[in-house]
Amino acid sequence: MPPWLIGALIGAVVSTIWLLSMQREAKQLAPRILPLLRDKGSQSPTELAEALGLKGGNAPVKVRMALDSLVKAGEVVALVVPPGTSARERLKIGKYVIKGGSQPPQT
């Protein structure tokens, strides 16, 4: 087997394990996110990560994964983000709110 193929297979396995661990952590975050959204209204993944005390560059991504699962479950609604917004900016300006909940006025 060529060395490049071995390296590619190792990379695929490591990235799959990393993704699965991130998804598991996101599922554990979901119950902690709902009370924050109820109490404080609409928030971005970056704001929620700070409120939860999560550290590191992946913290907003983990929160976003948890929010996506809550959106799929119908518990949370993602507010509209302008088209063409980069993924990094969506973590900062994209807001989520409890379904049927009111959002505070935008300032």
PDB file of N, CA and C in Angstrom:
ATOM      1  N   MET A   1       0.860  -1.170   0.000  1.00  0.00           N
ATOM      2  CA  MET A   1       0.000   0.000   0.000  1.00  0.00           C
ATOM      3  C   MET A   1       0.910   1.238   0.000  1.00  0.00           C
ATOM      4  N   PRO A   2       0.626   2.208  -0.879  1.00  0.00           N
ATOM      5  CA  PRO A   2       1.468   3.409  -0.942  1.00  0.00           C
ATOM      6  C   PRO A   2       1.365   4.246   0.342  1.00  0.00           C
ATOM      7  N   PRO A   3       2.456   4.903   0.715  1.00  0.00           N
ATOM      8  CA  PRO A   3       2.454   5.706   1.948  1.00  0.00           C
ATOM      9  C   PRO A   3       1.421   6.826   1.951  1.00  0.00           C
ATOM     10  N   TRP A   4       1.177   7.433   0.785  1.00  0.00           N
ATOM     11  CA  TRP A   4       0.194   8.521   0.741  1.00  0.00           C
ATOM     12  C   TRP A   4      -1.205   8.013   1.044  1.00  0.00           C
ATOM     13  N   LEU A   5      -1.512   6.784   0.637  1.00  0.00           N
ATOM     14  CA  LEU A   5      -2.827   6.204   0.908  1.00  0.00           C
ATOM     15  C   LEU A   5      -2.984   5.906   2.398  1.00  0.00           C
ATOM     16  N   ILE A   6      -1.915   5.430   3.017  1.00  0.00           N
ATOM     17  CA  ILE A   6      -1.948   5.182   4.462  1.00  0.00           C
ATOM     18  C   ILE A   6      -2.181   6.497   5.207  1.00  0.00           C
ATOM     19  N   GLY A   7      -1.481   7.543   4.793  1.00  0.00           N
ATOM     20  CA  GLY A   7      -1.673   8.856   5.419  1.00  0.00           C
ATOM     21  C   GLY A   7      -3.085   9.372   5.231  1.00  0.00           C
ATOM     22  N   ALA A   8      -3.644   9.190   4.050  1.00  0.00           N
ATOM     23  CA  ALA A   8      -5.013   9.640   3.783  1.00  0.00           C
ATOM     24  C   ALA A   8      -6.020   8.881   4.647  1.00  0.00           C
ATOM     25  N   LEU A   9      -5.821   7.585   4.785  1.00  0.00           N
ATOM     26  CA  LEU A   9      -6.726   6.784   5.620  1.00  0.00           C
ATOM     27  C   LEU A   9      -6.636   7.193   7.086  1.00  0.00           C
ATOM     28  N   ILE A  10      -5.424   7.413   7.572  1.00  0.00           N
ATOM     29  CA  ILE A  10      -5.254   7.857   8.963  1.00  0.00           C
ATOM     30  C   ILE A  10      -5.942   9.210   9.169  1.00  0.00           C
ATOM     31  N   GLY A  11      -5.770  10.121   8.222  1.00  0.00           N
ATOM     32  CA  GLY A  11      -6.426  11.430   8.314  1.00  0.00           C
ATOM     33  C   GLY A  11      -7.937  11.317   8.333  1.00  0.00           C
ATOM     34  N   ALA A  12      -8.487  10.432   7.502  1.00  0.00           N
ATOM     35  CA  ALA A  12      -9.945  10.243   7.466  1.00  0.00           C
ATOM     36  C   ALA A  12     -10.457   9.690   8.790  1.00  0.00           C
ATOM     37  N   VAL A  13      -9.744   8.733   9.364  1.00  0.00           N
ATOM     38  CA  VAL A  13     -10.171   8.141  10.638  1.00  0.00           C
ATOM     39  C   VAL A  13     -10.103   9.180  11.754  1.00  0.00           C
ATOM     40  N   VAL A  14      -9.018   9.932  11.814  1.00  0.00           N
ATOM     41  CA  VAL A  14      -8.864  10.940  12.877  1.00  0.00           C
ATOM     42  C   VAL A  14      -9.939  12.014  12.752  1.00  0.00           C
ATOM     43  N   SER A  15     -10.216  12.494  11.543  1.00  0.00           N
ATOM     44  CA  SER A  15     -11.221  13.546  11.380  1.00  0.00           C
ATOM     45  C   SER A  15     -12.622  13.028  11.703  1.00  0.00           C
ATOM     46  N   THR A  16     -12.908  11.767  11.399  1.00  0.00           N
ATOM     47  CA  THR A  16     -14.209  11.186  11.733  1.00  0.00           C
ATOM     48  C   THR A  16     -14.378  11.078  13.247  1.00  0.00           C
ATOM     49  N   ILE A  17     -13.345  10.626  13.928  1.00  0.00           N
ATOM     50  CA  ILE A  17     -13.408  10.531  15.396  1.00  0.00           C
ATOM     51  C   ILE A  17     -13.591  11.913  16.007  1.00  0.00           C
ATOM     52  N   TRP A  18     -12.875  12.910  15.487  1.00  0.00           N
ATOM     53  CA  TRP A  18     -12.996  14.282  15.999  1.00  0.00           C
ATOM     54  C   TRP A  18     -14.416  14.802  15.802  1.00  0.00           C
ATOM     55  N   LEU A  19     -14.998  14.573  14.619  1.00  0.00           N
ATOM     56  CA  LEU A  19     -16.357  15.034  14.343  1.00  0.00           C
ATOM     57  C   LEU A  19     -17.363  14.363  15.271  1.00  0.00           C
ATOM     58  N   LEU A  20     -17.222  13.066  15.484  1.00  0.00           N
ATOM     59  CA  LEU A  20     -18.145  12.354  16.372  1.00  0.00           C
ATOM     60  C   LEU A  20     -18.039  12.855  17.809  1.00  0.00           C
ATOM     61  N   SER A  21     -16.843  13.173  18.262  1.00  0.00           N
ATOM     62  CA  SER A  21     -16.698  13.691  19.630  1.00  0.00           C
ATOM     63  C   SER A  21     -17.309  15.084  19.746  1.00  0.00           C
ATOM     64  N   MET A  22     -17.166  15.906  18.690  1.00  0.00           N
ATOM     65  CA  MET A  22     -17.786  17.244  18.704  1.00  0.00           C
ATOM     66  C   MET A  22     -19.311  17.127  18.747  1.00  0.00           C
ATOM     67  N   GLN A  23     -19.874  16.182  17.999  1.00  0.00           N
ATOM     68  CA  GLN A  23     -21.324  16.000  17.998  1.00  0.00           C
ATOM     69  C   GLN A  23     -21.815  15.533  19.360  1.00  0.00           C
ATOM     70  N   ARG A  24     -21.057  14.655  20.015  1.00  0.00           N
ATOM     71  CA  ARG A  24     -21.448  14.192  21.347  1.00  0.00           C
ATOM     72  C   ARG A  24     -21.452  15.351  22.344  1.00  0.00           C
ATOM     73  N   GLU A  25     -20.411  16.187  22.275  1.00  0.00           N
ATOM     74  CA  GLU A  25     -20.348  17.345  23.165  1.00  0.00           C
ATOM     75  C   GLU A  25     -21.490  18.315  22.874  1.00  0.00           C
ATOM     76  N   ALA A  26     -21.843  18.479  21.610  1.00  0.00           N
ATOM     77  CA  ALA A  26     -22.928  19.387  21.242  1.00  0.00           C
ATOM     78  C   ALA A  26     -24.260  18.900  21.812  1.00  0.00           C
ATOM     79  N   LYS A  27     -24.486  17.579  21.795  1.00  0.00           N
ATOM     80  CA  LYS A  27     -25.725  17.037  22.357  1.00  0.00           C
ATOM     81  C   LYS A  27     -25.804  17.311  23.855  1.00  0.00           C
ATOM     82  N   GLN A  28     -24.666  17.285  24.531  1.00  0.00           N
ATOM     83  CA  GLN A  28     -24.645  17.556  25.967  1.00  0.00           C
ATOM     84  C   GLN A  28     -24.865  19.036  26.262  1.00  0.00           C
ATOM     85  N   LEU A  29     -24.541  19.905  25.312  1.00  0.00           N
ATOM     86  CA  LEU A  29     -24.707  21.347  25.511  1.00  0.00           C
ATOM     87  C   LEU A  29     -26.148  21.799  25.344  1.00  0.00           C
ATOM     88  N   ALA A  30     -26.910  21.114  24.519  1.00  0.00           N
ATOM     89  CA  ALA A  30     -28.265  21.561  24.176  1.00  0.00           C
ATOM     90  C   ALA A  30     -29.137  21.870  25.402  1.00  0.00           C
ATOM     91  N   PRO A  31     -29.195  21.012  26.416  1.00  0.00           N
ATOM     92  CA  PRO A  31     -30.030  21.328  27.581  1.00  0.00           C
ATOM     93  C   PRO A  31     -29.545  22.566  28.350  1.00  0.00           C
ATOM     94  N   ARG A  32     -28.263  22.888  28.252  1.00  0.00           N
ATOM     95  CA  ARG A  32     -27.734  24.075  28.947  1.00  0.00           C
ATOM     96  C   ARG A  32     -28.014  25.351  28.161  1.00  0.00           C
ATOM     97  N   ILE A  33     -28.249  25.234  26.875  1.00  0.00           N
ATOM     98  CA  ILE A  33     -28.480  26.408  26.029  1.00  0.00           C
ATOM     99  C   ILE A  33     -29.902  26.930  26.165  1.00  0.00           C
ATOM    100  N   LEU A  34     -30.877  26.035  26.255  1.00  0.00           N
ATOM    101  CA  LEU A  34     -32.277  26.454  26.295  1.00  0.00           C
ATOM    102  C   LEU A  34     -32.585  27.460  27.413  1.00  0.00           C
ATOM    103  N   PRO A  35     -32.145  27.235  28.654  1.00  0.00           N
ATOM    104  CA  PRO A  35     -32.439  28.221  29.699  1.00  0.00           C
ATOM    105  C   PRO A  35     -31.820  29.594  29.412  1.00  0.00           C
ATOM    106  N   LEU A  36     -30.650  29.615  28.804  1.00  0.00           N
ATOM    107  CA  LEU A  36     -30.018  30.901  28.472  1.00  0.00           C
ATOM    108  C   LEU A  36     -30.841  31.665  27.441  1.00  0.00           C
ATOM    109  N   LEU A  37     -31.351  30.952  26.450  1.00  0.00           N
ATOM    110  CA  LEU A  37     -32.172  31.612  25.435  1.00  0.00           C
ATOM    111  C   LEU A  37     -33.500  32.083  26.017  1.00  0.00           C
ATOM    112  N   ARG A  38     -34.055  31.313  26.967  1.00  0.00           N
ATOM    113  CA  ARG A  38     -35.302  31.736  27.605  1.00  0.00           C
ATOM    114  C   ARG A  38     -35.091  33.005  28.440  1.00  0.00           C
ATOM    115  N   ASP A  39     -33.981  33.055  29.174  1.00  0.00           N
ATOM    116  CA  ASP A  39     -33.732  34.167  30.085  1.00  0.00           C
ATOM    117  C   ASP A  39     -33.267  35.438  29.375  1.00  0.00           C
ATOM    118  N   LYS A  40     -32.384  35.276  28.383  1.00  0.00           N
ATOM    119  CA  LYS A  40     -31.746  36.445  27.777  1.00  0.00           C
ATOM    120  C   LYS A  40     -32.246  36.780  26.383  1.00  0.00           C
ATOM    121  N   GLY A  41     -33.116  35.985  25.813  1.00  0.00           N
ATOM    122  CA  GLY A  41     -33.603  36.261  24.465  1.00  0.00           C
ATOM    123  C   GLY A  41     -32.614  35.804  23.406  1.00  0.00           C
ATOM    124  N   SER A  42     -32.692  36.412  22.231  1.00  0.00           N
ATOM    125  CA  SER A  42     -31.874  35.959  21.110  1.00  0.00           C
ATOM    126  C   SER A  42     -30.394  36.207  21.376  1.00  0.00           C
ATOM    127  N   GLN A  43     -29.585  35.211  21.005  1.00  0.00           N
ATOM    128  CA  GLN A  43     -28.140  35.292  21.197  1.00  0.00           C
ATOM    129  C   GLN A  43     -27.438  34.561  20.064  1.00  0.00           C
ATOM    130  N   SER A  44     -26.185  34.951  19.832  1.00  0.00           N
ATOM    131  CA  SER A  44     -25.365  34.293  18.819  1.00  0.00           C
ATOM    132  C   SER A  44     -24.614  33.126  19.461  1.00  0.00           C
ATOM    133  N   PRO A  45     -24.094  32.213  18.639  1.00  0.00           N
ATOM    134  CA  PRO A  45     -23.294  31.117  19.206  1.00  0.00           C
ATOM    135  C   PRO A  45     -22.090  31.614  20.011  1.00  0.00           C
ATOM    136  N   THR A  46     -21.465  32.705  19.571  1.00  0.00           N
ATOM    137  CA  THR A  46     -20.322  33.253  20.302  1.00  0.00           C
ATOM    138  C   THR A  46     -20.751  33.756  21.680  1.00  0.00           C
ATOM    139  N   GLU A  47     -21.882  34.459  21.738  1.00  0.00           N
ATOM    140  CA  GLU A  47     -22.390  34.962  23.027  1.00  0.00           C
ATOM    141  C   GLU A  47     -22.761  33.808  23.952  1.00  0.00           C
ATOM    142  N   LEU A  48     -23.381  32.767  23.387  1.00  0.00           N
ATOM    143  CA  LEU A  48     -23.762  31.615  24.206  1.00  0.00           C
ATOM    144  C   LEU A  48     -22.537  30.869  24.726  1.00  0.00           C
ATOM    145  N   ALA A  49     -21.507  30.743  23.896  1.00  0.00           N
ATOM    146  CA  ALA A  49     -20.278  30.067  24.333  1.00  0.00           C
ATOM    147  C   ALA A  49     -19.657  30.812  25.511  1.00  0.00           C
ATOM    148  N   GLU A  50     -19.648  32.139  25.446  1.00  0.00           N
ATOM    149  CA  GLU A  50     -19.110  32.938  26.555  1.00  0.00           C
ATOM    150  C   GLU A  50     -19.963  32.772  27.797  1.00  0.00           C
ATOM    151  N   ALA A  51     -21.289  32.774  27.630  1.00  0.00           N
ATOM    152  CA  ALA A  51     -22.192  32.636  28.776  1.00  0.00           C
ATOM    153  C   ALA A  51     -22.064  31.258  29.426  1.00  0.00           C
ATOM    154  N   LEU A  52     -21.756  30.249  28.624  1.00  0.00           N
ATOM    155  CA  LEU A  52     -21.586  28.897  29.153  1.00  0.00           C
ATOM    156  C   LEU A  52     -20.199  28.668  29.731  1.00  0.00           C
ATOM    157  N   GLY A  53     -19.306  29.628  29.525  1.00  0.00           N
ATOM    158  CA  GLY A  53     -17.954  29.512  30.043  1.00  0.00           C
ATOM    159  C   GLY A  53     -17.058  28.596  29.228  1.00  0.00           C
ATOM    160  N   LEU A  54     -17.409  28.391  27.970  1.00  0.00           N
ATOM    161  CA  LEU A  54     -16.603  27.531  27.105  1.00  0.00           C
ATOM    162  C   LEU A  54     -15.410  28.320  26.579  1.00  0.00           C
ATOM    163  N   LYS A  55     -14.281  27.668  26.505  1.00  0.00           N
ATOM    164  CA  LYS A  55     -13.049  28.315  26.057  1.00  0.00           C
ATOM    165  C   LYS A  55     -12.588  27.688  24.748  1.00  0.00           C
ATOM    166  N   GLY A  56     -11.791  28.423  23.998  1.00  0.00           N
ATOM    167  CA  GLY A  56     -11.172  27.894  22.789  1.00  0.00           C
ATOM    168  C   GLY A  56     -11.880  28.321  21.521  1.00  0.00           C
ATOM    169  N   GLY A  57     -11.183  28.146  20.433  1.00  0.00           N
ATOM    170  CA  GLY A  57     -11.706  28.559  19.135  1.00  0.00           C
ATOM    171  C   GLY A  57     -12.860  27.706  18.641  1.00  0.00           C
ATOM    172  N   ASN A  58     -12.966  26.474  19.125  1.00  0.00           N
ATOM    173  CA  ASN A  58     -14.055  25.598  18.700  1.00  0.00           C
ATOM    174  C   ASN A  58     -15.327  25.776  19.530  1.00  0.00           C
ATOM    175  N   ALA A  59     -15.295  26.553  20.574  1.00  0.00           N
ATOM    176  CA  ALA A  59     -16.456  26.698  21.457  1.00  0.00           C
ATOM    177  C   ALA A  59     -17.697  27.184  20.708  1.00  0.00           C
ATOM    178  N   PRO A  60     -17.614  28.272  19.903  1.00  0.00           N
ATOM    179  CA  PRO A  60     -18.813  28.688  19.171  1.00  0.00           C
ATOM    180  C   PRO A  60     -19.293  27.641  18.166  1.00  0.00           C
ATOM    181  N   VAL A  61     -18.365  26.859  17.627  1.00  0.00           N
ATOM    182  CA  VAL A  61     -18.740  25.811  16.671  1.00  0.00           C
ATOM    183  C   VAL A  61     -19.527  24.711  17.383  1.00  0.00           C
ATOM    184  N   LYS A  62     -19.087  24.339  18.582  1.00  0.00           N
ATOM    185  CA  LYS A  62     -19.808  23.334  19.363  1.00  0.00           C
ATOM    186  C   LYS A  62     -21.208  23.837  19.702  1.00  0.00           C
ATOM    187  N   VAL A  63     -21.299  25.108  20.087  1.00  0.00           N
ATOM    188  CA  VAL A  63     -22.605  25.692  20.410  1.00  0.00           C
ATOM    189  C   VAL A  63     -23.478  25.710  19.164  1.00  0.00           C
ATOM    190  N   ARG A  64     -22.893  26.058  18.015  1.00  0.00           N
ATOM    191  CA  ARG A  64     -23.657  26.097  16.762  1.00  0.00           C
ATOM    192  C   ARG A  64     -24.188  24.708  16.421  1.00  0.00           C
ATOM    193  N   MET A  65     -23.388  23.674  16.632  1.00  0.00           N
ATOM    194  CA  MET A  65     -23.851  22.307  16.381  1.00  0.00           C
ATOM    195  C   MET A  65     -25.016  21.947  17.305  1.00  0.00           C
ATOM    196  N   ALA A  66     -24.934  22.359  18.557  1.00  0.00           N
ATOM    197  CA  ALA A  66     -26.031  22.106  19.497  1.00  0.00           C
ATOM    198  C   ALA A  66     -27.276  22.881  19.084  1.00  0.00           C
ATOM    199  N   LEU A  67     -27.091  24.128  18.653  1.00  0.00           N
ATOM    200  CA  LEU A  67     -28.222  24.942  18.201  1.00  0.00           C
ATOM    201  C   LEU A  67     -28.874  24.336  16.963  1.00  0.00           C
ATOM    202  N   ASP A  68     -28.073  23.813  16.052  1.00  0.00           N
ATOM    203  CA  ASP A  68     -28.616  23.179  14.858  1.00  0.00           C
ATOM    204  C   ASP A  68     -29.488  21.980  15.215  1.00  0.00           C
ATOM    205  N   SER A  69     -29.064  21.208  16.225  1.00  0.00           N
ATOM    206  CA  SER A  69     -29.896  20.072  16.642  1.00  0.00           C
ATOM    207  C   SER A  69     -31.199  20.563  17.283  1.00  0.00           C
ATOM    208  N   LEU A  70     -31.143  21.681  18.006  1.00  0.00           N
ATOM    209  CA  LEU A  70     -32.356  22.248  18.594  1.00  0.00           C
ATOM    210  C   LEU A  70     -33.280  22.822  17.517  1.00  0.00           C
ATOM    211  N   VAL A  71     -32.699  23.373  16.458  1.00  0.00           N
ATOM    212  CA  VAL A  71     -33.507  23.877  15.336  1.00  0.00           C
ATOM    213  C   VAL A  71     -34.216  22.705  14.659  1.00  0.00           C
ATOM    214  N   LYS A  72     -33.497  21.612  14.430  1.00  0.00           N
ATOM    215  CA  LYS A  72     -34.097  20.427  13.805  1.00  0.00           C
ATOM    216  C   LYS A  72     -35.201  19.843  14.671  1.00  0.00           C
ATOM    217  N   ALA A  73     -35.045  19.938  16.000  1.00  0.00           N
ATOM    218  CA  ALA A  73     -36.063  19.427  16.922  1.00  0.00           C
ATOM    219  C   ALA A  73     -37.250  20.374  17.033  1.00  0.00           C
ATOM    220  N   GLY A  74     -37.141  21.567  16.474  1.00  0.00           N
ATOM    221  CA  GLY A  74     -38.240  22.530  16.506  1.00  0.00           C
ATOM    222  C   GLY A  74     -38.327  23.344  17.780  1.00  0.00           C
ATOM    223  N   GLU A  75     -37.291  23.334  18.599  1.00  0.00           N
ATOM    224  CA  GLU A  75     -37.316  24.072  19.858  1.00  0.00           C
ATOM    225  C   GLU A  75     -36.759  25.483  19.719  1.00  0.00           C
ATOM    226  N   VAL A  76     -35.909  25.695  18.728  1.00  0.00           N
ATOM    227  CA  VAL A  76     -35.236  26.977  18.538  1.00  0.00           C
ATOM    228  C   VAL A  76     -35.379  27.387  17.079  1.00  0.00           C
ATOM    229  N   VAL A  77     -35.405  28.710  16.844  1.00  0.00           N
ATOM    230  CA  VAL A  77     -35.496  29.249  15.491  1.00  0.00           C
ATOM    231  C   VAL A  77     -34.248  30.078  15.220  1.00  0.00           C
ATOM    232  N   ALA A  78     -33.662  29.883  14.045  1.00  0.00           N
ATOM    233  CA  ALA A  78     -32.517  30.692  13.622  1.00  0.00           C
ATOM    234  C   ALA A  78     -33.055  31.938  12.927  1.00  0.00           C
ATOM    235  N   LEU A  79     -32.627  33.105  13.385  1.00  0.00           N
ATOM    236  CA  LEU A  79     -33.044  34.345  12.747  1.00  0.00           C
ATOM    237  C   LEU A  79     -32.246  34.530  11.455  1.00  0.00           C
ATOM    238  N   VAL A  80     -32.833  35.242  10.509  1.00  0.00           N
ATOM    239  CA  VAL A  80     -32.244  35.386   9.178  1.00  0.00           C
ATOM    240  C   VAL A  80     -30.933  36.164   9.227  1.00  0.00           C
ATOM    241  N   VAL A  81     -29.947  35.644   8.513  1.00  0.00           N
ATOM    242  CA  VAL A  81     -28.638  36.291   8.371  1.00  0.00           C
ATOM    243  C   VAL A  81     -28.538  36.755   6.920  1.00  0.00           C
ATOM    244  N   PRO A  82     -27.970  37.939   6.668  1.00  0.00           N
ATOM    245  CA  PRO A  82     -27.871  38.422   5.286  1.00  0.00           C
ATOM    246  C   PRO A  82     -27.148  37.421   4.381  1.00  0.00           C
ATOM    247  N   PRO A  83     -27.630  37.267   3.143  1.00  0.00           N
ATOM    248  CA  PRO A  83     -26.960  36.355   2.222  1.00  0.00           C
ATOM    249  C   PRO A  83     -25.518  36.788   1.978  1.00  0.00           C
ATOM    250  N   GLY A  84     -24.654  35.828   1.772  1.00  0.00           N
ATOM    251  CA  GLY A  84     -23.251  36.117   1.509  1.00  0.00           C
ATOM    252  C   GLY A  84     -22.409  36.271   2.762  1.00  0.00           C
ATOM    253  N   THR A  85     -23.011  36.108   3.926  1.00  0.00           N
ATOM    254  CA  THR A  85     -22.266  36.209   5.180  1.00  0.00           C
ATOM    255  C   THR A  85     -21.397  34.967   5.342  1.00  0.00           C
ATOM    256  N   SER A  86     -20.135  35.156   5.690  1.00  0.00           N
ATOM    257  CA  SER A  86     -19.218  34.023   5.836  1.00  0.00           C
ATOM    258  C   SER A  86     -19.604  33.192   7.068  1.00  0.00           C
ATOM    259  N   ALA A  87     -19.134  31.961   7.085  1.00  0.00           N
ATOM    260  CA  ALA A  87     -19.431  31.061   8.206  1.00  0.00           C
ATOM    261  C   ALA A  87     -18.897  31.638   9.518  1.00  0.00           C
ATOM    262  N   ARG A  88     -17.725  32.240   9.481  1.00  0.00           N
ATOM    263  CA  ARG A  88     -17.134  32.827  10.690  1.00  0.00           C
ATOM    264  C   ARG A  88     -17.996  33.992  11.201  1.00  0.00           C
ATOM    265  N   GLU A  89     -18.486  34.830  10.298  1.00  0.00           N
ATOM    266  CA  GLU A  89     -19.328  35.955  10.708  1.00  0.00           C
ATOM    267  C   GLU A  89     -20.687  35.479  11.220  1.00  0.00           C
ATOM    268  N   ARG A  90     -21.206  34.374  10.654  1.00  0.00           N
ATOM    269  CA  ARG A  90     -22.484  33.844  11.135  1.00  0.00           C
ATOM    270  C   ARG A  90     -22.401  33.427  12.589  1.00  0.00           C
ATOM    271  N   LEU A  91     -21.220  32.979  13.031  1.00  0.00           N
ATOM    272  CA  LEU A  91     -21.055  32.617  14.446  1.00  0.00           C
ATOM    273  C   LEU A  91     -21.168  33.842  15.341  1.00  0.00           C
ATOM    274  N   LYS A  92     -20.807  35.004  14.795  1.00  0.00           N
ATOM    275  CA  LYS A  92     -20.837  36.236  15.596  1.00  0.00           C
ATOM    276  C   LYS A  92     -22.170  36.964  15.509  1.00  0.00           C
ATOM    277  N   ILE A  93     -22.776  37.021  14.304  1.00  0.00           N
ATOM    278  CA  ILE A  93     -23.979  37.841  14.144  1.00  0.00           C
ATOM    279  C   ILE A  93     -25.261  37.031  14.019  1.00  0.00           C
ATOM    280  N   GLY A  94     -25.139  35.720  13.720  1.00  0.00           N
ATOM    281  CA  GLY A  94     -26.336  34.887  13.613  1.00  0.00           C
ATOM    282  C   GLY A  94     -26.979  34.719  14.973  1.00  0.00           C
ATOM    283  N   LYS A  95     -28.267  34.991  15.070  1.00  0.00           N
ATOM    284  CA  LYS A  95     -28.974  34.917  16.350  1.00  0.00           C
ATOM    285  C   LYS A  95     -29.966  33.759  16.340  1.00  0.00           C
ATOM    286  N   TYR A  96     -30.180  33.196  17.503  1.00  0.00           N
ATOM    287  CA  TYR A  96     -31.135  32.109  17.698  1.00  0.00           C
ATOM    288  C   TYR A  96     -32.077  32.509  18.823  1.00  0.00           C
ATOM    289  N   VAL A  97     -33.323  32.082  18.729  1.00  0.00           N
ATOM    290  CA  VAL A  97     -34.326  32.415  19.738  1.00  0.00           C
ATOM    291  C   VAL A  97     -35.215  31.185  19.959  1.00  0.00           C
ATOM    292  N   ILE A  98     -35.783  31.068  21.152  1.00  0.00           N
ATOM    293  CA  ILE A  98     -36.705  29.982  21.469  1.00  0.00           C
ATOM    294  C   ILE A  98     -37.924  30.104  20.555  1.00  0.00           C
ATOM    295  N   LYS A  99     -38.380  28.992  20.023  1.00  0.00           N
ATOM    296  CA  LYS A  99     -39.535  29.013  19.135  1.00  0.00           C
ATOM    297  C   LYS A  99     -40.751  29.504  19.904  1.00  0.00           C
ATOM    298  N   GLY A 100     -41.421  30.486  19.338  1.00  0.00           N
ATOM    299  CA  GLY A 100     -42.572  31.086  19.985  1.00  0.00           C
ATOM    300  C   GLY A 100     -42.223  32.106  21.039  1.00  0.00           C
ATOM    301  N   GLY A 101     -40.942  32.262  21.335  1.00  0.00           N
ATOM    302  CA  GLY A 101     -40.486  33.245  22.304  1.00  0.00           C
ATOM    303  C   GLY A 101     -40.305  34.600  21.661  1.00  0.00           C
ATOM    304  N   SER A 102     -40.315  35.618  22.473  1.00  0.00           N
ATOM    305  CA  SER A 102     -40.099  36.960  21.936  1.00  0.00           C
ATOM    306  C   SER A 102     -38.624  37.283  21.991  1.00  0.00           C
ATOM    307  N   GLN A 103     -38.198  38.078  21.068  1.00  0.00           N
ATOM    308  CA  GLN A 103     -36.804  38.497  21.052  1.00  0.00           C
ATOM    309  C   GLN A 103     -36.739  39.949  21.493  1.00  0.00           C
ATOM    310  N   PRO A 104     -35.695  40.341  22.200  1.00  0.00           N
ATOM    311  CA  PRO A 104     -35.558  41.730  22.607  1.00  0.00           C
ATOM    312  C   PRO A 104     -35.339  42.617  21.395  1.00  0.00           C
ATOM    313  N   PRO A 105     -35.707  43.881  21.483  1.00  0.00           N
ATOM    314  CA  PRO A 105     -35.522  44.773  20.340  1.00  0.00           C
ATOM    315  C   PRO A 105     -34.062  44.870  19.934  1.00  0.00           C
ATOM    316  N   GLN A 106     -33.829  44.927  18.628  1.00  0.00           N
ATOM    317  CA  GLN A 106     -32.468  45.057  18.102  1.00  0.00           C
ATOM    318  C   GLN A 106     -31.986  46.492  18.315  1.00  0.00           C
ATOM    319  N   THR A 107     -30.751  46.637  18.776  1.00  0.00           N
ATOM    320  CA  THR A 107     -30.210  47.980  18.981  1.00  0.00           C
ATOM    321  C   THR A 107     -29.155  48.302  17.965  1.00  0.00           C
TER     322      THR A 107
END
